[in-house]
Amino acid sequence: MATQSLIPAGDYRTTYAADTTIFPTAGSRYAAWAGLAVLCLAPLVLDRYWLSLLIQIGYFAVAALGLNILVGFTGQISIGHAAFFGFGAFASAWLSNNLGIPVFFAIPLAGVVTTAVGLIFGLPAARLKGLYLAIATLAAQYILQDFFARANWFTGGVAGTAAEAFSIFGFHFDTDHRYFYVVLAYLVLTFVLATNLMRSRDGRALVAVRDHYLSAEMMGINLTRYRTLSFGLSAFYAGIGGALYAHYLQFVSVEGFGILLSIQFLGMIIIGGLGSIMGTLMGTAFMVLVPEAMGWLTDAVRGSALDRALSLKDNLSFLREMAIGLVIVLFLMFEPDGLAHRWRQIKAYWKLYPFSH
């Protein structure tokens, strides 16, 4: 119990609103505001390389949060999340380029359009489970990938399409230092929305479907409705993340949304913790930074005595790809509840220290 809540002894909650508050303690509220303040100051002290990594973590975390709602909170499975991420990117670029909609409005509209596509695939998939559902979502991945390659009017085909820079009232967020604040705003907004969703009637229904669908159905929960809803929500977050990705790179290409990216999204929520909103952010940061860390490691090892002794030579370049698969396997074996669970245990330890209970 201590690992789930750090409410001080004697602090009793007498209302439902107080019991379901986002920040249960004053310390957690202060830490959240302090963390947000530090992030707001990041462009003032970090260079473009580190800001680029933070921006990647931001838009990938928004998309991964949608997958965690589907997989972690509802108990469904999807290995086609990258396709919806890509659809959001192309949709936002198309809305701004062809319809003249400002990017400020194109990003949320891309999320809405992607939601509609997610619901189309979610309706038949909602009646499937297990391996059959996995194959259905894999089919969605390849169907949308083929659509991206052939729909020249929408995606530009294999040549890709350009995306406008984000702007408000003529002020362009076309540099890493400026665009960081756009991604941060969407990151905070989407995570707060997801947190509040999980405290609502619909959020509790999604969790009930995950925990025991027969009991949920006996309590009057419409399984098809909520499974379809979870696909729509997952697609919405993927669309928002994809739109942020498109207007950051200012170019969208078909090759960026393959099955490998879908596996990486699954890795983000597995490493962070299934069914954990904060774990989604932790897992995304981990998955973005691990390849970079392996790049630093290979640069340090290249040409060293270890490199010569093992005759690694050109094989060092494959360490980055191997590291992601190895990390997922190790987390499944030794930390199946993810980084979020370990973080709760660390907080509980220091909260109860020096007592053992």
Protein backbone atom coordinates (compact mmCIF):
# COMPACT_ATOMS: atom_id res chain seq x y z
CA MET A 1 0.00 0.00 0.00
CA ALA A 2 2.85 2.33 0.75
CA THR A 3 4.14 1.99 -2.79
CA GLN A 4 0.82 3.23 -4.17
CA SER A 5 0.23 6.28 -1.97
CA LEU A 6 2.41 8.67 -0.02
CA ILE A 7 -0.43 10.40 1.86
CA PRO A 8 0.77 11.15 5.41
CA ALA A 9 -0.72 9.18 8.30
CA GLY A 10 -3.80 10.92 9.69
CA ASP A 11 -4.54 12.76 6.44
CA TYR A 12 -8.05 11.49 5.72
CA ARG A 13 -9.89 12.33 2.51
CA THR A 14 -13.59 12.97 3.12
CA THR A 15 -14.72 13.77 -0.43
CA TYR A 16 -14.42 11.98 -3.75
CA ALA A 17 -12.75 15.03 -5.32
CA ALA A 18 -10.10 15.11 -2.62
CA ASP A 19 -9.51 11.38 -2.90
CA THR A 20 -8.92 11.56 -6.66
CA THR A 21 -6.83 14.72 -6.83
CA ILE A 22 -3.92 14.62 -9.28
CA PHE A 23 -1.36 15.66 -6.66
CA PRO A 24 -2.29 14.02 -3.34
CA THR A 25 0.38 15.77 -1.28
CA ALA A 26 1.81 19.27 -1.10
CA GLY A 27 5.24 17.89 -1.89
CA SER A 28 4.04 16.35 -5.15
CA ARG A 29 2.42 19.63 -6.17
CA TYR A 30 5.58 21.61 -5.45
CA ALA A 31 7.69 19.04 -7.31
CA ALA A 32 5.41 19.24 -10.36
CA TRP A 33 5.54 23.03 -10.49
CA ALA A 34 9.31 23.02 -9.93
CA GLY A 35 9.80 20.49 -12.73
CA LEU A 36 7.66 22.54 -15.09
CA ALA A 37 9.63 25.69 -14.21
CA VAL A 38 12.92 23.91 -14.92
CA LEU A 39 11.63 22.73 -18.30
CA CYS A 40 10.53 26.27 -19.19
CA LEU A 41 14.10 27.44 -18.56
CA ALA A 42 15.65 24.61 -20.59
CA PRO A 43 15.93 26.54 -23.92
CA LEU A 44 17.95 29.20 -22.11
CA VAL A 45 20.69 26.81 -21.02
CA LEU A 46 20.65 23.85 -23.43
CA ASP A 47 22.03 23.69 -26.95
CA ARG A 48 20.18 22.50 -30.07
CA TYR A 49 21.25 18.86 -29.64
CA TRP A 50 19.69 18.47 -26.20
CA LEU A 51 16.63 20.50 -27.14
CA SER A 52 16.12 18.23 -30.14
CA LEU A 53 16.15 15.20 -27.85
CA LEU A 54 13.65 16.84 -25.48
CA ILE A 55 11.35 17.69 -28.39
CA GLN A 56 11.54 14.09 -29.60
CA ILE A 57 10.66 12.87 -26.12
CA GLY A 58 7.72 15.28 -26.09
CA TYR A 59 5.93 14.30 -29.29
CA PHE A 60 6.74 10.60 -28.91
CA ALA A 61 5.39 10.69 -25.33
CA VAL A 62 2.09 12.19 -26.51
CA ALA A 63 1.68 9.38 -29.04
CA ALA A 64 2.85 6.68 -26.61
CA LEU A 65 0.32 7.90 -24.04
CA GLY A 66 -2.45 7.04 -26.48
CA LEU A 67 -1.04 3.54 -26.88
CA ASN A 68 -0.85 3.16 -23.10
CA ILE A 69 -4.55 4.08 -22.81
CA LEU A 70 -5.30 1.29 -25.28
CA VAL A 71 -2.86 -1.35 -24.02
CA GLY A 72 -2.13 -0.46 -20.41
CA PHE A 73 -5.52 0.83 -19.26
CA THR A 74 -7.93 -1.10 -21.50
CA GLY A 75 -6.01 -4.34 -21.97
CA GLN A 76 -6.12 -4.31 -25.77
CA ILE A 77 -3.11 -4.75 -28.05
CA SER A 78 -1.89 -2.74 -31.02
CA ILE A 79 1.17 -3.18 -33.16
CA GLY A 80 0.07 -0.60 -35.72
CA HIS A 81 0.36 2.58 -33.68
CA ALA A 82 3.00 4.11 -35.95
CA ALA A 83 0.50 4.15 -38.83
CA PHE A 84 -1.86 6.42 -36.86
CA PHE A 85 1.11 8.54 -35.82
CA GLY A 86 1.93 8.94 -39.49
CA PHE A 87 -1.67 9.64 -40.45
CA GLY A 88 -1.75 12.52 -37.97
CA ALA A 89 1.47 13.90 -39.46
CA PHE A 90 0.16 13.76 -43.03
CA ALA A 91 -3.30 15.02 -42.03
CA SER A 92 -1.92 18.12 -40.32
CA ALA A 93 0.38 18.89 -43.26
CA TRP A 94 -2.51 18.41 -45.73
CA LEU A 95 -4.90 20.60 -43.74
CA SER A 96 -2.42 23.45 -43.54
CA ASN A 97 -1.06 23.14 -47.10
CA ASN A 98 -4.24 22.48 -49.08
CA LEU A 99 -7.06 23.99 -47.04
CA GLY A 100 -5.12 26.96 -45.71
CA ILE A 101 -5.92 26.12 -42.09
CA PRO A 102 -3.39 27.67 -39.69
CA VAL A 103 -1.05 25.14 -38.09
CA PHE A 104 -2.35 26.19 -34.66
CA PHE A 105 -5.74 24.69 -35.61
CA ALA A 106 -4.43 22.00 -37.97
CA ILE A 107 -2.72 20.06 -35.16
CA PRO A 108 -5.88 19.39 -33.06
CA LEU A 109 -7.91 18.86 -36.25
CA ALA A 110 -5.39 16.23 -37.33
CA GLY A 111 -6.03 14.49 -34.01
CA VAL A 112 -9.78 14.52 -34.71
CA VAL A 113 -9.34 13.15 -38.24
CA THR A 114 -7.01 10.43 -36.98
CA THR A 115 -9.60 9.56 -34.32
CA ALA A 116 -12.14 8.91 -37.08
CA VAL A 117 -9.69 6.60 -38.82
CA GLY A 118 -8.94 4.85 -35.53
CA LEU A 119 -12.64 4.27 -34.93
CA ILE A 120 -13.00 2.72 -38.40
CA PHE A 121 -10.35 0.16 -37.56
CA GLY A 122 -11.49 -0.07 -33.93
CA LEU A 123 -15.06 -1.17 -34.66
CA PRO A 124 -14.16 -4.63 -36.06
CA ALA A 125 -11.10 -4.95 -33.81
CA ALA A 126 -13.21 -4.33 -30.69
CA ARG A 127 -14.78 -7.78 -31.09
CA LEU A 128 -11.41 -9.50 -31.27
CA LYS A 129 -8.84 -10.28 -28.60
CA GLY A 130 -5.45 -11.84 -28.17
CA LEU A 131 -3.55 -12.94 -31.25
CA TYR A 132 -6.46 -12.14 -33.56
CA LEU A 133 -6.52 -8.52 -32.38
CA ALA A 134 -2.75 -8.25 -32.83
CA ILE A 135 -3.06 -9.46 -36.43
CA ALA A 136 -5.92 -7.00 -37.06
CA THR A 137 -3.84 -4.05 -35.86
CA LEU A 138 -0.88 -5.31 -37.90
CA ALA A 139 -3.18 -5.29 -40.93
CA ALA A 140 -4.10 -1.68 -40.13
CA GLN A 141 -0.40 -0.83 -40.09
CA TYR A 142 0.19 -2.19 -43.57
CA ILE A 143 -3.08 -0.86 -45.01
CA LEU A 144 -2.24 2.68 -43.93
CA GLN A 145 1.37 2.34 -45.05
CA ASP A 146 0.17 1.34 -48.52
CA PHE A 147 -2.28 4.26 -48.47
CA PHE A 148 0.54 6.66 -47.63
CA ALA A 149 2.60 5.41 -50.58
CA ARG A 150 -0.26 5.62 -53.11
CA ALA A 151 -2.32 8.65 -52.05
CA ASN A 152 -0.33 11.35 -53.81
CA TRP A 153 -3.12 13.88 -53.24
CA PHE A 154 -2.83 13.43 -49.47
CA THR A 155 0.74 12.41 -48.67
CA GLY A 156 2.73 13.30 -51.78
CA GLY A 157 3.34 9.60 -52.36
CA VAL A 158 6.83 8.20 -51.93
CA ALA A 159 8.27 11.71 -52.38
CA GLY A 160 6.66 12.90 -49.16
CA THR A 161 5.25 16.34 -48.45
CA ALA A 162 6.35 19.56 -46.79
CA ALA A 163 4.77 20.88 -43.59
CA GLU A 164 4.57 24.50 -42.54
CA ALA A 165 6.25 25.81 -39.43
CA PHE A 166 4.08 26.44 -36.38
CA SER A 167 3.08 30.08 -36.04
CA ILE A 168 0.76 32.28 -33.96
CA PHE A 169 -0.20 35.80 -35.10
CA GLY A 170 2.74 35.89 -37.48
CA PHE A 171 5.29 34.70 -34.92
CA HIS A 172 7.00 31.57 -36.28
CA PHE A 173 8.20 28.78 -33.98
CA ASP A 174 10.73 27.58 -36.53
CA THR A 175 13.72 26.94 -34.26
CA ASP A 176 14.33 24.32 -31.60
CA HIS A 177 14.40 26.96 -28.88
CA ARG A 178 10.94 28.21 -29.87
CA TYR A 179 9.27 24.95 -30.90
CA PHE A 180 10.22 23.38 -27.57
CA TYR A 181 7.53 25.46 -25.87
CA VAL A 182 4.88 24.29 -28.36
CA VAL A 183 5.68 20.64 -27.66
CA LEU A 184 5.83 21.30 -23.91
CA ALA A 185 2.38 22.93 -23.97
CA TYR A 186 0.83 19.97 -25.81
CA LEU A 187 2.65 17.51 -23.58
CA VAL A 188 1.30 19.07 -20.38
CA LEU A 189 -2.20 19.46 -21.83
CA THR A 190 -2.50 15.89 -23.12
CA PHE A 191 -1.09 14.34 -19.95
CA VAL A 192 -3.46 16.37 -17.75
CA LEU A 193 -6.39 15.34 -19.96
CA ALA A 194 -5.39 11.66 -19.73
CA THR A 195 -4.98 11.90 -15.97
CA ASN A 196 -8.45 13.38 -15.59
CA LEU A 197 -9.90 10.80 -17.98
CA MET A 198 -8.65 7.96 -15.80
CA ARG A 199 -10.42 9.52 -12.79
CA SER A 200 -13.74 9.75 -14.65
CA ARG A 201 -16.53 7.22 -15.12
CA ASP A 202 -15.29 6.31 -18.59
CA GLY A 203 -11.71 5.92 -17.40
CA ARG A 204 -12.76 3.55 -14.62
CA ALA A 205 -14.82 1.61 -17.17
CA LEU A 206 -11.74 1.18 -19.36
CA VAL A 207 -9.78 -0.21 -16.40
CA ALA A 208 -12.67 -2.53 -15.54
CA VAL A 209 -12.64 -3.91 -19.08
CA ARG A 210 -8.93 -4.59 -18.68
CA ASP A 211 -9.11 -6.20 -15.25
CA HIS A 212 -12.06 -8.53 -15.85
CA TYR A 213 -14.24 -8.04 -18.87
CA LEU A 214 -16.91 -10.53 -17.73
CA SER A 215 -17.38 -8.72 -14.42
CA ALA A 216 -17.40 -5.39 -16.25
CA GLU A 217 -20.13 -6.63 -18.59
CA MET A 218 -22.19 -7.88 -15.65
CA MET A 219 -22.00 -4.38 -14.13
CA GLY A 220 -23.51 -2.93 -17.30
CA ILE A 221 -20.37 -1.77 -19.09
CA ASN A 222 -20.69 -1.99 -22.87
CA LEU A 223 -17.51 -3.83 -23.84
CA THR A 224 -17.70 -3.02 -27.55
CA ARG A 225 -18.32 0.67 -26.87
CA TYR A 226 -15.38 1.09 -24.53
CA ARG A 227 -12.99 -1.01 -26.56
CA THR A 228 -13.85 1.08 -29.61
CA LEU A 229 -13.52 4.24 -27.52
CA SER A 230 -10.03 3.20 -26.46
CA PHE A 231 -9.00 2.80 -30.10
CA GLY A 232 -10.36 6.26 -30.86
CA LEU A 233 -8.53 7.83 -27.92
CA SER A 234 -5.33 6.03 -28.86
CA ALA A 235 -5.59 7.31 -32.43
CA PHE A 236 -6.31 10.86 -31.22
CA TYR A 237 -3.14 11.02 -29.15
CA ALA A 238 -1.15 9.40 -31.98
CA GLY A 239 -2.50 12.01 -34.39
CA ILE A 240 -1.52 14.89 -32.11
CA GLY A 241 1.96 13.45 -31.65
CA GLY A 242 2.33 12.89 -35.39
CA ALA A 243 1.24 16.46 -36.16
CA LEU A 244 3.82 17.84 -33.74
CA TYR A 245 6.42 15.63 -35.40
CA ALA A 246 5.47 16.90 -38.88
CA HIS A 247 5.67 20.59 -38.04
CA TYR A 248 8.93 20.12 -36.20
CA LEU A 249 10.73 18.46 -39.13
CA GLN A 250 8.66 20.47 -41.65
CA PHE A 251 8.71 17.45 -43.92
CA VAL A 252 6.86 14.13 -43.76
CA SER A 253 7.98 10.96 -45.54
CA VAL A 254 6.36 7.54 -45.80
CA GLU A 255 9.48 5.68 -44.65
CA GLY A 256 9.29 7.08 -41.13
CA PHE A 257 6.18 5.17 -40.02
CA GLY A 258 7.06 1.51 -40.39
CA ILE A 259 6.50 -1.46 -38.13
CA LEU A 260 9.78 -0.75 -36.31
CA LEU A 261 8.36 2.50 -34.94
CA SER A 262 5.26 0.61 -33.73
CA ILE A 263 7.52 -1.80 -31.84
CA GLN A 264 9.37 1.16 -30.34
CA PHE A 265 6.09 2.61 -29.12
CA LEU A 266 5.31 -0.69 -27.42
CA GLY A 267 8.78 -0.65 -25.90
CA MET A 268 8.15 2.84 -24.48
CA ILE A 269 5.05 1.80 -22.54
CA ILE A 270 6.49 -1.56 -21.45
CA ILE A 271 9.67 0.01 -20.09
CA GLY A 272 7.80 2.93 -18.50
CA GLY A 273 5.02 0.78 -17.06
CA LEU A 274 1.73 -0.41 -18.51
CA GLY A 275 -1.20 1.49 -17.05
CA SER A 276 0.96 4.36 -15.78
CA ILE A 277 0.65 7.86 -17.21
CA MET A 278 3.88 9.13 -15.73
CA GLY A 279 5.55 5.85 -16.70
CA THR A 280 4.78 6.66 -20.33
CA LEU A 281 6.95 9.76 -20.14
CA MET A 282 9.72 7.89 -18.33
CA GLY A 283 9.69 5.04 -20.84
CA THR A 284 9.73 7.44 -23.79
CA ALA A 285 12.69 9.33 -22.37
CA PHE A 286 14.48 6.03 -21.80
CA MET A 287 13.86 4.80 -25.35
CA VAL A 288 14.98 8.08 -26.91
CA LEU A 289 18.12 8.40 -24.80
CA VAL A 290 19.33 4.77 -24.90
CA PRO A 291 20.33 4.87 -28.61
CA GLU A 292 22.13 8.15 -27.98
CA ALA A 293 23.95 6.66 -25.00
CA MET A 294 24.93 3.64 -27.09
CA GLY A 295 26.23 6.04 -29.75
CA TRP A 296 28.44 7.72 -27.17
CA LEU A 297 29.61 4.29 -25.98
CA THR A 298 30.50 3.07 -29.46
CA ASP A 299 32.42 6.27 -30.15
CA ALA A 300 34.37 5.74 -26.94
CA VAL A 301 35.12 2.06 -27.70
CA ARG A 302 35.99 2.53 -31.38
CA GLY A 303 39.73 2.18 -31.89
CA SER A 304 40.36 1.15 -28.27
CA ALA A 305 42.12 -1.97 -27.02
CA LEU A 306 38.73 -3.65 -26.47
CA ASP A 307 37.77 -2.95 -30.08
CA ARG A 308 41.01 -4.46 -31.36
CA ALA A 309 40.85 -7.47 -29.02
CA LEU A 310 37.30 -8.44 -30.01
CA SER A 311 37.68 -7.39 -33.67
CA LEU A 312 34.46 -5.42 -33.47
CA LYS A 313 35.34 -2.97 -36.24
CA ASP A 314 32.17 -2.08 -38.20
CA ASN A 315 29.93 -4.18 -35.94
CA LEU A 316 29.93 -1.37 -33.38
CA SER A 317 27.34 0.49 -35.43
CA PHE A 318 24.81 -2.29 -34.78
CA LEU A 319 24.99 -1.88 -31.01
CA ARG A 320 22.39 0.89 -31.08
CA GLU A 321 19.83 -1.37 -32.78
CA MET A 322 20.66 -4.33 -30.54
CA ALA A 323 20.37 -2.23 -27.38
CA ILE A 324 16.65 -1.47 -27.84
CA GLY A 325 15.66 -5.14 -28.21
CA LEU A 326 17.92 -6.18 -25.35
CA VAL A 327 16.52 -3.52 -23.04
CA ILE A 328 12.91 -4.59 -23.72
CA VAL A 329 13.77 -8.23 -22.97
CA LEU A 330 15.61 -7.33 -19.77
CA PHE A 331 12.74 -5.17 -18.53
CA LEU A 332 10.23 -7.95 -19.22
CA MET A 333 12.40 -10.34 -17.22
CA PHE A 334 13.55 -8.23 -14.28
CA GLU A 335 11.24 -5.20 -14.11
CA PRO A 336 7.88 -6.17 -15.69
CA ASP A 337 6.03 -3.32 -13.96
CA GLY A 338 8.33 -0.75 -15.53
CA LEU A 339 10.18 2.33 -14.36
CA ALA A 340 7.06 3.83 -12.79
CA HIS A 341 6.81 0.95 -10.32
CA ARG A 342 10.48 1.26 -9.40
CA TRP A 343 10.07 5.02 -8.91
CA ARG A 344 7.13 4.44 -6.53
CA GLN A 345 9.21 1.99 -4.55
CA ILE A 346 12.08 4.47 -4.28
CA LYS A 347 9.72 7.22 -3.08
CA ALA A 348 8.12 4.88 -0.56
CA TYR A 349 11.54 3.83 0.74
CA TRP A 350 12.61 7.40 1.44
CA LYS A 351 9.20 8.26 2.83
CA LEU A 352 9.40 5.43 5.38
CA TYR A 353 13.16 5.56 6.05
CA PRO A 354 14.62 4.43 8.45
CA PHE A 355 11.67 2.12 9.17
CA SER A 356 11.28 -1.08 7.21
CA HIS A 357 7.47 -1.06 7.01
